[in-house]
Structure formats: structure tokens, C-alpha cells
C-alpha atoms as a PDB file:
ATOM      1  CA  MET A   1       4.160   0.862   6.465  1.00  0.00           C
ATOM      2  CA  LYS A   2       5.146  -2.453   4.912  1.00  0.00           C
ATOM      3  CA  ALA A   3       2.819  -5.364   4.270  1.00  0.00           C
ATOM      4  CA  THR A   4       2.489  -8.499   2.170  1.00  0.00           C
ATOM      5  CA  ASP A   5      -0.791  -9.272   0.432  1.00  0.00           C
ATOM      6  CA  PRO A   6      -2.283 -12.771  -0.046  1.00  0.00           C
ATOM      7  CA  GLN A   7      -0.593 -13.017  -3.463  1.00  0.00           C
ATOM      8  CA  GLY A   8       2.863 -12.464  -1.953  1.00  0.00           C
ATOM      9  CA  ARG A   9       3.380  -8.907  -3.208  1.00  0.00           C
ATOM     10  CA  ARG A  10       5.326  -6.673  -0.837  1.00  0.00           C
ATOM     11  CA  TRP A  11       3.593  -3.313  -0.343  1.00  0.00           C
ATOM     12  CA  VAL A  12       5.339  -0.158   0.841  1.00  0.00           C
ATOM     13  CA  ILE A  13       2.843   2.549   1.788  1.00  0.00           C
ATOM     14  CA  GLN A  14       3.704   6.043   2.942  1.00  0.00           C
ATOM     15  CA  CYS A  15       0.954   8.238   4.390  1.00  0.00           C
ATOM     16  CA  LYS A  16       0.786  12.033   4.239  1.00  0.00           C
ATOM     17  CA  ARG A  17      -1.888  13.663   6.361  1.00  0.00           C
ATOM     18  CA  ARG A  18      -2.956  17.147   5.330  1.00  0.00           C
ATOM     19  CA  LYS A  19      -4.455  19.334   8.061  1.00  0.00           C
ATOM     20  CA  ASP A  20      -6.976  20.863   5.651  1.00  0.00           C
ATOM     21  CA  GLY A  21      -7.581  17.705   3.611  1.00  0.00           C
ATOM     22  CA  TRP A  22      -8.468  18.299  -0.032  1.00  0.00           C
ATOM     23  CA  SER A  23      -8.374  22.086   0.337  1.00  0.00           C
ATOM     24  CA  GLY A  24      -4.930  22.022   1.977  1.00  0.00           C
ATOM     25  CA  SER A  25      -1.530  21.849   0.341  1.00  0.00           C
ATOM     26  CA  ALA A  26      -1.045  19.112  -2.217  1.00  0.00           C
ATOM     27  CA  VAL A  27       1.438  16.302  -1.706  1.00  0.00           C
ATOM     28  CA  GLY A  28       4.299  17.151  -4.046  1.00  0.00           C
ATOM     29  CA  ALA A  29       6.850  15.302  -6.113  1.00  0.00           C
ATOM     30  CA  PRO A  30       9.631  15.604  -3.472  1.00  0.00           C
ATOM     31  CA  ASP A  31       7.627  13.308  -1.175  1.00  0.00           C
ATOM     32  CA  LEU A  32       7.423  10.779  -3.989  1.00  0.00           C
ATOM     33  CA  TYR A  33      11.159  11.014  -4.651  1.00  0.00           C
ATOM     34  CA  VAL A  34      11.760   9.693  -1.139  1.00  0.00           C
ATOM     35  CA  LEU A  35       9.281   6.844  -1.548  1.00  0.00           C
ATOM     36  CA  ASN A  36      10.735   5.941  -4.938  1.00  0.00           C
ATOM     37  CA  GLY A  37      14.299   6.067  -3.626  1.00  0.00           C
ATOM     38  CA  THR A  38      13.734   3.644  -0.761  1.00  0.00           C
ATOM     39  CA  GLY A  39      10.626   1.620  -1.580  1.00  0.00           C
ATOM     40  CA  ARG A  40      12.165  -0.902  -3.927  1.00  0.00           C
ATOM     41  CA  GLN A  41      15.877  -0.724  -3.085  1.00  0.00           C
ATOM     42  CA  VAL A  42      15.674  -0.627   0.729  1.00  0.00           C
ATOM     43  CA  HIS A  43      12.299  -2.235   1.452  1.00  0.00           C
ATOM     44  CA  ASN A  44      12.114  -4.638  -1.529  1.00  0.00           C
ATOM     45  CA  GLY A  45       8.636  -3.386  -2.419  1.00  0.00           C
ATOM     46  CA  ASP A  46       6.639  -4.604  -5.386  1.00  0.00           C
ATOM     47  CA  VAL A  47       3.872  -2.024  -4.980  1.00  0.00           C
ATOM     48  CA  LEU A  48       4.765   1.498  -3.799  1.00  0.00           C
ATOM     49  CA  VAL A  49       1.866   3.647  -2.628  1.00  0.00           C
ATOM     50  CA  MET A  50       1.619   7.247  -1.444  1.00  0.00           C
ATOM     51  CA  LEU A  51      -1.636   7.770   0.450  1.00  0.00           C
ATOM     52  CA  THR A  52      -3.079  11.097   1.569  1.00  0.00           C
ATOM     53  CA  ASN A  53      -6.266  12.520   2.997  1.00  0.00           C
ATOM     54  CA  GLY A  54      -5.739  15.350   0.525  1.00  0.00           C
ATOM     55  CA  ARG A  55      -4.624  15.593  -3.084  1.00  0.00           C
ATOM     56  CA  PHE A  56      -1.488  15.401  -5.237  1.00  0.00           C
ATOM     57  CA  SER A  57       0.200  18.123  -7.281  1.00  0.00           C
ATOM     58  CA  GLN A  58       0.390  17.675 -11.053  1.00  0.00           C
ATOM     59  CA  PRO A  59       4.197  17.178 -10.942  1.00  0.00           C
ATOM     60  CA  ALA A  60       3.638  14.445  -8.329  1.00  0.00           C
ATOM     61  CA  VAL A  61       1.061  12.724 -10.539  1.00  0.00           C
ATOM     62  CA  GLU A  62       3.420  12.872 -13.527  1.00  0.00           C
ATOM     63  CA  PHE A  63       6.386  11.537 -11.532  1.00  0.00           C
ATOM     64  CA  ALA A  64       4.289   8.737 -10.045  1.00  0.00           C
ATOM     65  CA  SER A  65       3.170   7.690 -13.508  1.00  0.00           C
ATOM     66  CA  SER A  66       6.724   7.651 -14.856  1.00  0.00           C
ATOM     67  CA  GLN A  67       7.989   5.547 -11.935  1.00  0.00           C
ATOM     68  CA  HIS A  68       5.017   3.165 -11.549  1.00  0.00           C
ATOM     69  CA  LEU A  69       4.087   4.546  -8.123  1.00  0.00           C
ATOM     70  CA  HIS A  70       0.482   4.368  -6.965  1.00  0.00           C
ATOM     71  CA  LEU A  71      -1.364   7.378  -5.569  1.00  0.00           C
ATOM     72  CA  VAL A  72      -4.307   7.195  -3.192  1.00  0.00           C
ATOM     73  CA  ASP A  73      -5.965  10.576  -2.712  1.00  0.00           C
ATOM     74  CA  ARG A  74      -8.872  11.498  -0.450  1.00  0.00           C
ATOM     75  CA  HIS A  75     -11.491  10.186  -2.900  1.00  0.00           C
ATOM     76  CA  LEU A  76      -9.841   6.810  -3.511  1.00  0.00           C
ATOM     77  CA  LEU A  77      -9.123   6.518   0.219  1.00  0.00           C
ATOM     78  CA  ALA A  78     -12.844   6.949   0.931  1.00  0.00           C
ATOM     79  CA  GLN A  79     -13.700   4.279  -1.626  1.00  0.00           C
ATOM     80  CA  TRP A  80     -11.184   1.868  -0.069  1.00  0.00           C
ATOM     81  CA  ALA A  81     -12.377   2.701   3.464  1.00  0.00           C
ATOM     82  CA  SER A  82     -15.936   1.806   2.486  1.00  0.00           C
ATOM     83  CA  GLY A  83     -14.743  -1.801   2.543  1.00  0.00           C
ATOM     84  CA  SER A  84     -16.245  -2.758  -0.784  1.00  0.00           C
ATOM     85  CA  ARG A  85     -12.982  -3.852  -2.446  1.00  0.00           C
ATOM     86  CA  PRO A  86      -9.358  -4.434  -1.475  1.00  0.00           C
ATOM     87  CA  LEU A  87      -6.867  -1.757  -2.427  1.00  0.00           C
ATOM     88  CA  TRP A  88      -5.171  -3.920  -5.073  1.00  0.00           C
ATOM     89  CA  GLU A  89      -8.461  -4.020  -6.983  1.00  0.00           C
ATOM     90  CA  LEU A  90      -8.849  -0.234  -6.831  1.00  0.00           C
ATOM     91  CA  LEU A  91      -5.376   0.580  -8.183  1.00  0.00           C
ATOM     92  CA  ARG A  92      -4.366   0.336 -11.821  1.00  0.00           C
ATOM     93  CA  ALA A  93      -1.486  -1.812 -13.059  1.00  0.00           C
ATOM     94  CA  VAL A  94      -0.615  -3.603  -9.823  1.00  0.00           C
ATOM     95  CA  PRO A  95       2.178  -6.103 -10.532  1.00  0.00           C
ATOM     96  CA  PRO A  96       1.266  -9.769 -10.875  1.00  0.00           C
ATOM     97  CA  PRO A  97       1.321 -11.992  -7.791  1.00  0.00           C
ATOM     98  CA  ARG A  98       4.682 -13.284  -6.570  1.00  0.00           C
ATOM     99  CA  LYS A  99       3.129 -16.621  -5.709  1.00  0.00           C
ATOM    100  CA  GLN A 100       0.035 -18.557  -6.653  1.00  0.00           C
ATOM    101  CA  SER A 101      -2.847 -17.651  -4.369  1.00  0.00           C
ATOM    102  CA  SER A 102      -4.154 -20.430  -2.188  1.00  0.00           C
ATOM    103  CA  LEU A 103      -7.590 -18.795  -2.514  1.00  0.00           C
ATOM    104  CA  SER A 104      -8.073 -19.832  -6.136  1.00  0.00           C
END
């Protein structure tokens, strides 16, 4: 999925559904390699996100950190789905806006 937020940042979000949720298999680093390889170069993304209803493996977490990819696991997904805050406020180190917000 591709989207642009109110600040002009281009988001590239890939979703991985796990049949057994948190207790199922973890999303691994190979899934993140694909996102990393196409998210910026092909889709011109500023913010690359892997979202799952499950969890991430430790190698996936380490790779995401090294490449500035954002991970949304089952717990963060639930927090976002509660509607209390937009996703860009829930993630750490989201890049600055591309354009000045007309909301400020």
C-alpha cells in the first residue's frame, strides 16, 4: 500500500497476516529485504513500514533498525487501531515533513 500523509511524506506499507497471530511464525528478515529493496527506489517512499498481526524475528528487528524501516507488530497495530493517535505519532524517528503542513 502507498499513501501520502498530510505533511507530504510518502508511505510504503507492506502487510503480513499470520494465521496464528502472535503465537504463529514471526515475520523474518527476508520479508524486510523485499520492502527495503523496493520501498525507496521503486516507490519513492519516505517511510517504509512492515505491519503484521503477529510478531517479528530478532534478525528482522535488527535489519529494520539498521535500514530505518518501521515495524508495526500486533500490539502497536492494536494501539493504532484504537484511533487515539495517527501512526506517524506512534512510530519512532519518522522523517521530517516534505512540505509545511497547512494544519499549523
